[in-house]
Structures are given as C-alpha cells and as structure tokens.
C-alpha cells in the first residue's frame, strides 16, 4: 500500500501542476481534473477492469485504449494523455492513489484541512463551531470538521488533522498514566 502511494505521488503532482499551469481558470481546471481522476479511480477499482488490464498479452497502448473506452467522455484530451502515460509506465493500478493525493494537494493549495474529531459523546453545534475556530487559528487553514462517537473514550476528544493527532481523551490520559506508573 505505502509503495503504491509512493509510486502515485509524482503522477498526482504532475496532474496537479498541469491543472494549475495550463489553464487560466484554475477553479474550473482543478474541478475538471478532480472529477476525471475520481472517475478513473473508480473505474480502476472495479475488479473486472483490473483483471482485464492485468492481461499480459495486451500492450500498453491497448490497455490505455481499453481503459479510455470504458471511461468514455469522462476524460478530456489531457486526461486521455495522462492515462496513456500511466499505461506506458505500467502504472494504471495506482490511479486510485493518484486521485486521493491530487485531492490532498488541492486541499493544501486551497488552505483547507479535513479534521476528524472522535468524542465520547455527541458534540453540540456550538462546541463543533468553537473547535473549528480554534483549529482554524492554530492550523491557519479553513477546517472541514467530521465527527464520530466512540464511547470507549470515556470523555474528551481525539483530533486528527493530517499527520497531527491530539489525544485529550480520558482513555488516552489513563493510558499515559499507566505507562508512567510502569
């Protein structure tokens, strides 16, 4: 899994750079590339498509044409060229990862951050809004807050923002205390 993400990263960056540099209307270009990559990722995630593309008798051009044929009009000329490049480099299977990484790059460029908040109990709308404001100030980004409930936390919250994890749950504090006492 990590290897596929590593392989997908330069392709996601290339698609992002192309979307950023080649079009004057960035928002339109980014949404177009986002839609194309999302659709292509869904097609590639289909087991029947993946099996068909694993056929060693198909050339890279045939695989690209097969894939583009399945996608139909969902790919523009640049998207088709991108698929051809992936096929030539035997990298079609990383398309789902390319799509995810592209979305992360787009969120970073737009100064947005997805934040997952896990709490022992449902947060009120006011608590969620206060948390969003505090995180926006701390991270310097617009926050998209997603919450879930985990009764095992006993109390408090766990906040995940990218690679940053803030554990202020009662369970987390008890685990820290247990480690100290050992």
N, C-alpha and C. Protein backbone atom coordinates (compact mmCIF):
# COMPACT_ATOMS: atom_id res chain seq x y z
N UNK A 1 0.83 -1.20 0.00
CA UNK A 1 0.00 0.00 0.00
C UNK A 1 0.87 1.26 0.00
N UNK A 2 1.82 1.34 0.94
CA UNK A 2 2.68 2.53 1.02
C UNK A 2 3.51 2.67 -0.25
N UNK A 3 3.90 1.53 -0.82
CA UNK A 3 4.68 1.56 -2.07
C UNK A 3 3.86 2.17 -3.20
N UNK A 4 2.57 1.81 -3.28
CA UNK A 4 1.72 2.36 -4.34
C UNK A 4 1.53 3.86 -4.15
N UNK A 5 1.43 4.31 -2.91
CA UNK A 5 1.30 5.75 -2.66
C UNK A 5 2.56 6.47 -3.10
N UNK A 6 3.71 5.88 -2.81
CA UNK A 6 4.99 6.48 -3.22
C UNK A 6 5.08 6.56 -4.73
N UNK A 7 4.65 5.51 -5.41
CA UNK A 7 4.67 5.49 -6.88
C UNK A 7 3.67 6.50 -7.43
N UNK A 8 2.53 6.65 -6.78
CA UNK A 8 1.48 7.53 -7.27
C UNK A 8 1.80 9.02 -7.08
N UNK A 9 2.61 9.35 -6.08
CA UNK A 9 2.87 10.74 -5.72
C UNK A 9 3.35 11.60 -6.90
N UNK A 10 4.36 11.18 -7.68
CA UNK A 10 4.79 12.06 -8.78
C UNK A 10 3.72 12.25 -9.85
N UNK A 11 2.88 11.24 -10.04
CA UNK A 11 1.80 11.38 -11.04
C UNK A 11 0.75 12.36 -10.54
N UNK A 12 0.43 12.30 -9.26
CA UNK A 12 -0.53 13.25 -8.69
C UNK A 12 0.02 14.67 -8.78
N UNK A 13 1.30 14.83 -8.49
CA UNK A 13 1.93 16.15 -8.58
C UNK A 13 1.93 16.65 -10.02
N UNK A 14 2.18 15.75 -10.95
CA UNK A 14 2.19 16.15 -12.37
C UNK A 14 0.80 16.59 -12.81
N UNK A 15 -0.23 15.83 -12.43
CA UNK A 15 -1.60 16.20 -12.79
C UNK A 15 -1.97 17.54 -12.15
N UNK A 16 -1.57 17.73 -10.91
CA UNK A 16 -1.86 18.97 -10.21
C UNK A 16 -1.15 20.15 -10.89
N UNK A 17 0.11 19.97 -11.21
CA UNK A 17 0.87 21.03 -11.88
C UNK A 17 0.25 21.37 -13.23
N UNK A 18 -0.16 20.34 -13.96
CA UNK A 18 -0.77 20.57 -15.26
C UNK A 18 -2.06 21.37 -15.09
N UNK A 19 -2.88 20.98 -14.13
CA UNK A 19 -4.14 21.68 -13.89
C UNK A 19 -3.88 23.12 -13.46
N UNK A 20 -2.83 23.35 -12.73
CA UNK A 20 -2.51 24.67 -12.21
C UNK A 20 -1.92 25.59 -13.28
N UNK A 21 -1.06 25.06 -14.13
CA UNK A 21 -0.31 25.89 -15.08
C UNK A 21 -0.98 26.09 -16.43
N UNK A 22 -1.71 25.12 -16.88
CA UNK A 22 -2.18 25.15 -18.26
C UNK A 22 -3.48 25.93 -18.47
N UNK A 23 -4.16 26.25 -17.40
CA UNK A 23 -5.46 26.90 -17.56
C UNK A 23 -5.52 28.18 -16.77
N UNK A 24 -6.13 29.19 -17.36
CA UNK A 24 -6.29 30.47 -16.67
C UNK A 24 -7.36 30.34 -15.58
N UNK A 25 -8.39 29.59 -15.85
CA UNK A 25 -9.47 29.40 -14.89
C UNK A 25 -9.14 28.22 -13.99
N UNK A 26 -8.37 28.47 -12.92
CA UNK A 26 -7.87 27.40 -12.07
C UNK A 26 -8.99 26.58 -11.43
N UNK A 27 -10.01 27.25 -10.93
CA UNK A 27 -11.07 26.53 -10.24
C UNK A 27 -11.73 25.52 -11.19
N UNK A 28 -11.98 25.92 -12.42
CA UNK A 28 -12.59 25.03 -13.40
C UNK A 28 -11.64 23.88 -13.72
N UNK A 29 -10.38 24.18 -13.90
CA UNK A 29 -9.40 23.15 -14.23
C UNK A 29 -9.23 22.16 -13.09
N UNK A 30 -9.14 22.66 -11.86
CA UNK A 30 -8.99 21.76 -10.72
C UNK A 30 -10.21 20.87 -10.55
N UNK A 31 -11.40 21.42 -10.69
CA UNK A 31 -12.60 20.60 -10.53
C UNK A 31 -12.71 19.58 -11.66
N UNK A 32 -12.29 19.97 -12.87
CA UNK A 32 -12.31 19.06 -14.00
C UNK A 32 -11.34 17.89 -13.78
N UNK A 33 -10.12 18.20 -13.35
CA UNK A 33 -9.14 17.15 -13.08
C UNK A 33 -9.57 16.29 -11.90
N UNK A 34 -10.15 16.90 -10.90
CA UNK A 34 -10.63 16.16 -9.74
C UNK A 34 -11.70 15.15 -10.17
N UNK A 35 -12.63 15.60 -11.00
CA UNK A 35 -13.69 14.72 -11.48
C UNK A 35 -13.13 13.59 -12.35
N UNK A 36 -12.21 13.95 -13.25
CA UNK A 36 -11.62 12.92 -14.13
C UNK A 36 -10.87 11.87 -13.32
N UNK A 37 -10.03 12.32 -12.41
CA UNK A 37 -9.25 11.37 -11.61
C UNK A 37 -10.13 10.54 -10.69
N UNK A 38 -11.15 11.15 -10.14
CA UNK A 38 -12.09 10.41 -9.30
C UNK A 38 -12.81 9.33 -10.08
N UNK A 39 -13.25 9.67 -11.29
CA UNK A 39 -13.94 8.68 -12.13
C UNK A 39 -12.97 7.58 -12.55
N UNK A 40 -11.78 7.97 -12.99
CA UNK A 40 -10.79 6.98 -13.41
C UNK A 40 -10.40 6.06 -12.25
N UNK A 41 -10.32 6.61 -11.05
CA UNK A 41 -10.01 5.80 -9.87
C UNK A 41 -11.11 4.79 -9.61
N UNK A 42 -12.36 5.21 -9.76
CA UNK A 42 -13.48 4.30 -9.56
C UNK A 42 -13.47 3.18 -10.61
N UNK A 43 -13.17 3.54 -11.85
CA UNK A 43 -13.09 2.52 -12.91
C UNK A 43 -11.96 1.54 -12.60
N UNK A 44 -10.82 2.05 -12.20
CA UNK A 44 -9.67 1.18 -11.92
C UNK A 44 -9.91 0.31 -10.70
N UNK A 45 -10.75 0.76 -9.78
CA UNK A 45 -11.04 -0.01 -8.58
C UNK A 45 -11.99 -1.18 -8.85
N UNK A 46 -12.62 -1.18 -10.01
CA UNK A 46 -13.52 -2.29 -10.37
C UNK A 46 -12.68 -3.54 -10.63
N UNK A 47 -13.03 -4.63 -9.99
CA UNK A 47 -12.25 -5.86 -10.09
C UNK A 47 -12.20 -6.41 -11.52
N UNK A 48 -13.29 -6.29 -12.26
CA UNK A 48 -13.31 -6.79 -13.63
C UNK A 48 -12.37 -5.99 -14.52
N UNK A 49 -12.34 -4.68 -14.32
CA UNK A 49 -11.45 -3.83 -15.10
C UNK A 49 -9.99 -4.15 -14.76
N UNK A 50 -9.71 -4.26 -13.46
CA UNK A 50 -8.34 -4.56 -13.03
C UNK A 50 -7.88 -5.90 -13.61
N UNK A 51 -8.77 -6.88 -13.61
CA UNK A 51 -8.42 -8.20 -14.15
C UNK A 51 -8.15 -8.11 -15.66
N UNK A 52 -8.99 -7.37 -16.37
CA UNK A 52 -8.81 -7.23 -17.82
C UNK A 52 -7.49 -6.53 -18.14
N UNK A 53 -7.13 -5.54 -17.35
CA UNK A 53 -5.90 -4.79 -17.59
C UNK A 53 -4.65 -5.55 -17.16
N UNK A 54 -4.82 -6.60 -16.38
CA UNK A 54 -3.68 -7.43 -15.97
C UNK A 54 -3.28 -8.44 -17.05
N UNK A 55 -4.03 -8.50 -18.13
CA UNK A 55 -3.73 -9.44 -19.21
C UNK A 55 -2.36 -9.11 -19.81
N UNK A 56 -1.39 -10.01 -19.67
CA UNK A 56 -0.05 -9.73 -20.18
C UNK A 56 0.04 -9.68 -21.71
N UNK A 57 -0.99 -10.17 -22.39
CA UNK A 57 -0.98 -10.15 -23.85
C UNK A 57 -1.33 -8.77 -24.43
N UNK A 58 -1.89 -7.90 -23.58
CA UNK A 58 -2.24 -6.56 -24.05
C UNK A 58 -1.03 -5.64 -23.97
N UNK A 59 -0.81 -4.88 -25.01
CA UNK A 59 0.26 -3.88 -24.99
C UNK A 59 -0.19 -2.69 -24.13
N UNK A 60 0.74 -1.83 -23.82
CA UNK A 60 0.41 -0.64 -23.03
C UNK A 60 -0.62 0.23 -23.75
N UNK A 61 -0.46 0.37 -25.08
CA UNK A 61 -1.41 1.16 -25.85
C UNK A 61 -2.81 0.55 -25.83
N UNK A 62 -2.88 -0.78 -25.92
CA UNK A 62 -4.18 -1.46 -25.89
C UNK A 62 -4.84 -1.30 -24.52
N UNK A 63 -4.03 -1.38 -23.46
CA UNK A 63 -4.57 -1.19 -22.11
C UNK A 63 -5.11 0.22 -21.95
N UNK A 64 -4.36 1.19 -22.44
CA UNK A 64 -4.81 2.59 -22.35
C UNK A 64 -6.10 2.78 -23.14
N UNK A 65 -6.16 2.24 -24.35
CA UNK A 65 -7.37 2.37 -25.17
C UNK A 65 -8.57 1.69 -24.53
N UNK A 66 -8.34 0.52 -23.95
CA UNK A 66 -9.41 -0.20 -23.25
C UNK A 66 -9.92 0.65 -22.09
N UNK A 67 -9.01 1.17 -21.31
CA UNK A 67 -9.37 1.98 -20.15
C UNK A 67 -10.11 3.25 -20.59
N UNK A 68 -9.59 3.92 -21.59
CA UNK A 68 -10.21 5.15 -22.09
C UNK A 68 -11.60 4.85 -22.67
N UNK A 69 -11.73 3.70 -23.32
CA UNK A 69 -13.02 3.29 -23.86
C UNK A 69 -14.06 3.10 -22.76
N UNK A 70 -13.62 2.54 -21.65
CA UNK A 70 -14.53 2.34 -20.51
C UNK A 70 -14.92 3.70 -19.92
N UNK A 71 -13.98 4.60 -19.84
CA UNK A 71 -14.25 5.92 -19.26
C UNK A 71 -15.13 6.79 -20.16
N UNK A 72 -15.09 6.53 -21.44
CA UNK A 72 -15.92 7.28 -22.38
C UNK A 72 -15.59 8.75 -22.39
N UNK A 73 -16.63 9.59 -22.33
CA UNK A 73 -16.42 11.04 -22.43
C UNK A 73 -16.10 11.69 -21.08
N UNK A 74 -15.81 10.89 -20.08
CA UNK A 74 -15.46 11.43 -18.76
C UNK A 74 -14.02 11.97 -18.72
N UNK A 75 -13.22 11.62 -19.74
CA UNK A 75 -11.84 12.10 -19.82
C UNK A 75 -11.71 13.07 -20.98
N UNK A 76 -11.07 14.22 -20.72
CA UNK A 76 -10.78 15.13 -21.83
C UNK A 76 -9.46 14.70 -22.48
N UNK A 77 -8.97 15.47 -23.44
CA UNK A 77 -7.75 15.08 -24.17
C UNK A 77 -6.56 14.94 -23.22
N UNK A 78 -6.42 15.86 -22.26
CA UNK A 78 -5.31 15.79 -21.31
C UNK A 78 -5.45 14.56 -20.41
N UNK A 79 -6.67 14.25 -20.02
CA UNK A 79 -6.91 13.06 -19.20
C UNK A 79 -6.57 11.79 -19.95
N UNK A 80 -6.90 11.74 -21.22
CA UNK A 80 -6.56 10.57 -22.04
C UNK A 80 -5.04 10.44 -22.19
N UNK A 81 -4.38 11.56 -22.38
CA UNK A 81 -2.92 11.55 -22.49
C UNK A 81 -2.31 11.06 -21.16
N UNK A 82 -2.88 11.48 -20.05
CA UNK A 82 -2.41 11.06 -18.73
C UNK A 82 -2.56 9.54 -18.57
N UNK A 83 -3.69 9.01 -18.99
CA UNK A 83 -3.92 7.56 -18.93
C UNK A 83 -2.91 6.83 -19.80
N UNK A 84 -2.64 7.35 -21.00
CA UNK A 84 -1.64 6.73 -21.88
C UNK A 84 -0.27 6.71 -21.20
N UNK A 85 0.08 7.80 -20.54
CA UNK A 85 1.38 7.87 -19.86
C UNK A 85 1.45 6.84 -18.72
N UNK A 86 0.38 6.73 -17.96
CA UNK A 86 0.33 5.74 -16.89
C UNK A 86 0.46 4.33 -17.45
N UNK A 87 -0.22 4.07 -18.55
CA UNK A 87 -0.17 2.73 -19.17
C UNK A 87 1.24 2.44 -19.68
N UNK A 88 1.87 3.41 -20.32
CA UNK A 88 3.23 3.20 -20.83
C UNK A 88 4.20 2.86 -19.70
N UNK A 89 3.99 3.45 -18.53
CA UNK A 89 4.86 3.22 -17.38
C UNK A 89 4.37 2.09 -16.47
N UNK A 90 3.35 1.37 -16.95
CA UNK A 90 2.77 0.25 -16.18
C UNK A 90 2.31 0.70 -14.80
N UNK A 91 1.59 1.81 -14.77
CA UNK A 91 1.16 2.40 -13.50
C UNK A 91 -0.35 2.65 -13.43
N UNK A 92 -1.13 2.04 -14.27
CA UNK A 92 -2.58 2.28 -14.23
C UNK A 92 -3.18 1.91 -12.88
N UNK A 93 -2.62 0.90 -12.24
CA UNK A 93 -3.21 0.44 -10.97
C UNK A 93 -3.06 1.47 -9.84
N UNK A 94 -2.23 2.49 -10.01
CA UNK A 94 -2.07 3.50 -8.95
C UNK A 94 -3.08 4.65 -9.08
N UNK A 95 -3.96 4.59 -10.07
CA UNK A 95 -4.92 5.67 -10.28
C UNK A 95 -5.74 6.02 -9.03
N UNK A 96 -6.23 5.05 -8.26
CA UNK A 96 -6.97 5.44 -7.04
C UNK A 96 -6.11 6.26 -6.08
N UNK A 97 -4.84 5.92 -5.96
CA UNK A 97 -3.94 6.67 -5.08
C UNK A 97 -3.63 8.04 -5.66
N UNK A 98 -3.50 8.12 -6.97
CA UNK A 98 -3.26 9.41 -7.63
C UNK A 98 -4.42 10.35 -7.33
N UNK A 99 -5.63 9.83 -7.41
CA UNK A 99 -6.82 10.65 -7.15
C UNK A 99 -6.83 11.18 -5.71
N UNK A 100 -6.54 10.32 -4.75
CA UNK A 100 -6.51 10.74 -3.34
C UNK A 100 -5.43 11.78 -3.11
N UNK A 101 -4.25 11.55 -3.65
CA UNK A 101 -3.15 12.50 -3.47
C UNK A 101 -3.43 13.84 -4.15
N UNK A 102 -4.07 13.79 -5.31
CA UNK A 102 -4.46 15.03 -6.01
C UNK A 102 -5.38 15.85 -5.12
N UNK A 103 -6.36 15.18 -4.50
CA UNK A 103 -7.31 15.88 -3.63
C UNK A 103 -6.59 16.49 -2.42
N UNK A 104 -5.59 15.79 -1.90
CA UNK A 104 -4.82 16.34 -0.78
C UNK A 104 -4.04 17.58 -1.21
N UNK A 105 -3.44 17.51 -2.39
CA UNK A 105 -2.71 18.67 -2.91
C UNK A 105 -3.65 19.85 -3.13
N UNK A 106 -4.83 19.57 -3.64
CA UNK A 106 -5.82 20.62 -3.88
C UNK A 106 -6.26 21.26 -2.56
N UNK A 107 -6.52 20.43 -1.56
CA UNK A 107 -6.93 20.96 -0.25
C UNK A 107 -5.82 21.82 0.34
N UNK A 108 -4.58 21.37 0.20
CA UNK A 108 -3.44 22.14 0.71
C UNK A 108 -3.33 23.48 -0.01
N UNK A 109 -3.49 23.46 -1.31
CA UNK A 109 -3.40 24.69 -2.10
C UNK A 109 -4.53 25.65 -1.74
N UNK A 110 -5.68 25.11 -1.44
CA UNK A 110 -6.83 25.95 -1.11
C UNK A 110 -6.89 26.28 0.38
N UNK A 111 -5.82 25.86 1.10
CA UNK A 111 -5.70 26.13 2.54
C UNK A 111 -6.89 25.57 3.31
N UNK A 112 -7.24 24.32 2.99
CA UNK A 112 -8.31 23.62 3.70
C UNK A 112 -7.72 22.40 4.36
N UNK A 113 -8.31 22.01 5.48
CA UNK A 113 -7.83 20.84 6.22
C UNK A 113 -9.04 20.04 6.70
N UNK A 114 -9.03 18.75 6.39
CA UNK A 114 -10.04 17.86 6.93
C UNK A 114 -9.59 17.44 8.32
N UNK A 115 -10.49 17.55 9.27
CA UNK A 115 -10.17 17.19 10.65
C UNK A 115 -11.22 16.20 11.15
N UNK A 116 -10.75 15.08 11.68
CA UNK A 116 -11.63 14.06 12.25
C UNK A 116 -11.60 14.21 13.76
N UNK A 117 -12.76 14.40 14.36
CA UNK A 117 -12.87 14.53 15.81
C UNK A 117 -13.66 13.34 16.33
N UNK A 118 -13.03 12.59 17.22
CA UNK A 118 -13.70 11.45 17.85
C UNK A 118 -13.94 11.82 19.31
N UNK A 119 -15.19 11.73 19.73
CA UNK A 119 -15.53 12.10 21.10
C UNK A 119 -16.36 11.00 21.74
N UNK A 120 -16.41 11.04 23.05
CA UNK A 120 -17.19 10.04 23.79
C UNK A 120 -18.68 10.29 23.63
N UNK A 121 -19.04 11.54 23.43
CA UNK A 121 -20.45 11.92 23.28
C UNK A 121 -20.60 12.89 22.12
N UNK A 122 -21.82 13.02 21.63
CA UNK A 122 -22.10 13.92 20.52
C UNK A 122 -21.75 15.35 20.92
N UNK A 123 -20.95 16.02 20.10
CA UNK A 123 -20.63 17.42 20.33
C UNK A 123 -21.79 18.29 19.87
N UNK A 124 -22.08 19.32 20.64
CA UNK A 124 -23.15 20.24 20.25
C UNK A 124 -22.67 21.09 19.08
N UNK A 125 -23.59 21.68 18.33
CA UNK A 125 -23.17 22.56 17.24
C UNK A 125 -22.26 23.70 17.71
N UNK A 126 -22.53 24.23 18.89
CA UNK A 126 -21.68 25.32 19.42
C UNK A 126 -20.28 24.80 19.72
N UNK A 127 -20.17 23.60 20.31
CA UNK A 127 -18.86 23.01 20.59
C UNK A 127 -18.09 22.75 19.30
N UNK A 128 -18.79 22.25 18.29
CA UNK A 128 -18.15 21.99 16.99
C UNK A 128 -17.65 23.30 16.38
N UNK A 129 -18.45 24.34 16.46
CA UNK A 129 -18.06 25.63 15.89
C UNK A 129 -16.86 26.22 16.63
N UNK A 130 -16.87 26.13 17.95
CA UNK A 130 -15.73 26.62 18.74
C UNK A 130 -14.46 25.84 18.41
N UNK A 131 -14.60 24.53 18.26
CA UNK A 131 -13.45 23.68 17.91
C UNK A 131 -12.93 24.04 16.52
N UNK A 132 -13.85 24.27 15.57
CA UNK A 132 -13.44 24.66 14.22
C UNK A 132 -12.66 25.98 14.24
N UNK A 133 -13.15 26.94 15.00
CA UNK A 133 -12.47 28.24 15.08
C UNK A 133 -11.09 28.11 15.69
N UNK A 134 -10.99 27.35 16.77
CA UNK A 134 -9.69 27.17 17.44
C UNK A 134 -8.70 26.45 16.52
N UNK A 135 -9.16 25.42 15.82
CA UNK A 135 -8.28 24.69 14.91
C UNK A 135 -7.88 25.54 13.71
N UNK A 136 -8.81 26.34 13.20
CA UNK A 136 -8.50 27.23 12.08
C UNK A 136 -7.42 28.22 12.47
N UNK A 137 -7.51 28.73 13.68
CA UNK A 137 -6.50 29.68 14.16
C UNK A 137 -5.16 28.98 14.33
N UNK A 138 -5.16 27.78 14.91
CA UNK A 138 -3.93 27.04 15.17
C UNK A 138 -3.26 26.57 13.87
N UNK A 139 -4.06 26.05 12.93
CA UNK A 139 -3.51 25.49 11.70
C UNK A 139 -3.40 26.50 10.56
N UNK A 140 -4.08 27.63 10.68
CA UNK A 140 -4.04 28.64 9.64
C UNK A 140 -4.75 28.21 8.37
N UNK A 141 -5.77 27.38 8.53
CA UNK A 141 -6.50 26.86 7.36
C UNK A 141 -7.99 26.84 7.66
N UNK A 142 -8.78 26.77 6.58
CA UNK A 142 -10.21 26.54 6.73
C UNK A 142 -10.39 25.08 7.12
N UNK A 143 -11.25 24.82 8.08
CA UNK A 143 -11.41 23.48 8.64
C UNK A 143 -12.71 22.85 8.18
N UNK A 144 -12.61 21.62 7.67
CA UNK A 144 -13.78 20.78 7.39
C UNK A 144 -13.81 19.76 8.52
N UNK A 145 -14.77 19.88 9.42
CA UNK A 145 -14.83 19.06 10.62
C UNK A 145 -15.76 17.87 10.42
N UNK A 146 -15.24 16.69 10.72
CA UNK A 146 -16.01 15.46 10.66
C UNK A 146 -15.96 14.84 12.05
N UNK A 147 -17.10 14.46 12.58
CA UNK A 147 -17.09 13.92 13.95
C UNK A 147 -17.68 12.52 13.98
N UNK A 148 -17.19 11.79 14.98
CA UNK A 148 -17.72 10.45 15.23
C UNK A 148 -17.71 10.23 16.74
N UNK A 149 -18.47 9.25 17.18
CA UNK A 149 -18.60 8.95 18.60
C UNK A 149 -17.95 7.61 18.89
N UNK A 150 -17.15 7.58 19.98
CA UNK A 150 -16.54 6.35 20.47
C UNK A 150 -16.68 6.36 21.99
N UNK A 151 -17.67 5.64 22.50
CA UNK A 151 -17.96 5.62 23.94
C UNK A 151 -16.77 5.12 24.76
N UNK A 152 -15.86 4.35 24.14
CA UNK A 152 -14.70 3.82 24.86
C UNK A 152 -13.73 4.92 25.30
N UNK A 153 -13.88 6.12 24.77
CA UNK A 153 -13.00 7.22 25.17
C UNK A 153 -13.30 7.70 26.58
N UNK A 154 -14.46 7.39 27.10
CA UNK A 154 -14.95 7.78 28.42
C UNK A 154 -15.30 9.27 28.45
N UNK A 155 -14.41 10.12 28.00
CA UNK A 155 -14.62 11.56 27.95
C UNK A 155 -13.53 12.20 27.11
N UNK A 156 -13.69 13.47 26.79
CA UNK A 156 -12.70 14.18 26.00
C UNK A 156 -12.82 13.87 24.51
N UNK A 157 -11.76 14.26 23.77
CA UNK A 157 -11.77 14.08 22.31
C UNK A 157 -10.40 13.66 21.80
N UNK A 158 -10.41 13.06 20.62
CA UNK A 158 -9.19 12.80 19.85
C UNK A 158 -9.37 13.55 18.54
N UNK A 159 -8.39 14.39 18.21
CA UNK A 159 -8.45 15.21 17.00
C UNK A 159 -7.36 14.74 16.05
N UNK A 160 -7.75 14.43 14.81
CA UNK A 160 -6.79 14.02 13.78
C UNK A 160 -6.87 15.00 12.62
N UNK A 161 -5.75 15.70 12.40
CA UNK A 161 -5.64 16.66 11.31
C UNK A 161 -4.40 16.30 10.52
N UNK A 162 -4.57 15.53 9.44
CA UNK A 162 -3.41 15.06 8.68
C UNK A 162 -2.58 14.14 9.53
N UNK A 163 -1.30 14.47 9.69
CA UNK A 163 -0.39 13.66 10.50
C UNK A 163 -0.41 14.04 11.98
N UNK A 164 -1.14 15.08 12.32
CA UNK A 164 -1.20 15.55 13.70
C UNK A 164 -2.35 14.88 14.43
N UNK A 165 -2.05 14.33 15.61
CA UNK A 165 -3.07 13.72 16.46
C UNK A 165 -2.98 14.36 17.84
N UNK A 166 -4.10 14.87 18.30
CA UNK A 166 -4.20 15.45 19.64
C UNK A 166 -5.16 14.56 20.42
N UNK A 167 -4.63 13.87 21.42
CA UNK A 167 -5.45 12.96 22.22
C UNK A 167 -5.66 13.57 23.60
N UNK A 168 -6.82 14.14 23.81
CA UNK A 168 -7.16 14.68 25.12
C UNK A 168 -8.34 13.90 25.71
N UNK A 169 -8.41 12.62 25.36
CA UNK A 169 -9.48 11.77 25.88
C UNK A 169 -9.09 11.25 27.26
N UNK A 170 -10.08 10.87 28.03
CA UNK A 170 -9.83 10.29 29.35
C UNK A 170 -9.09 8.96 29.17
N UNK A 171 -9.49 8.18 28.19
CA UNK A 171 -8.81 6.90 27.93
C UNK A 171 -7.33 7.14 27.62
N UNK A 172 -7.03 8.14 26.80
CA UNK A 172 -5.64 8.46 26.46
C UNK A 172 -4.84 8.89 27.68
N UNK A 173 -5.47 9.70 28.53
CA UNK A 173 -4.77 10.15 29.74
C UNK A 173 -4.53 8.98 30.70
N UNK A 174 -5.49 8.06 30.78
CA UNK A 174 -5.30 6.88 31.63
C UNK A 174 -4.17 5.99 31.09
N UNK A 175 -4.09 5.87 29.77
CA UNK A 175 -3.01 5.08 29.17
C UNK A 175 -1.66 5.73 29.44
N UNK A 176 -1.58 7.05 29.35
CA UNK A 176 -0.33 7.75 29.65
C UNK A 176 0.06 7.53 31.10
N UNK A 177 -0.90 7.62 31.99
CA UNK A 177 -0.62 7.41 33.42
C UNK A 177 -0.15 5.99 33.67
N UNK A 178 -0.76 5.03 33.00
CA UNK A 178 -0.36 3.61 33.12
C UNK A 178 1.08 3.43 32.69
N UNK A 179 1.50 4.05 31.59
CA UNK A 179 2.87 3.94 31.11
C UNK A 179 3.86 4.56 32.09
N UNK A 180 3.47 5.68 32.68
CA UNK A 180 4.34 6.36 33.64
C UNK A 180 4.53 5.49 34.89
N UNK A 181 3.45 4.86 35.33
CA UNK A 181 3.50 4.05 36.54
C UNK A 181 4.28 2.75 36.34
N UNK A 182 4.39 2.30 35.12
CA UNK A 182 5.13 1.06 34.85
C UNK A 182 6.57 1.37 34.88
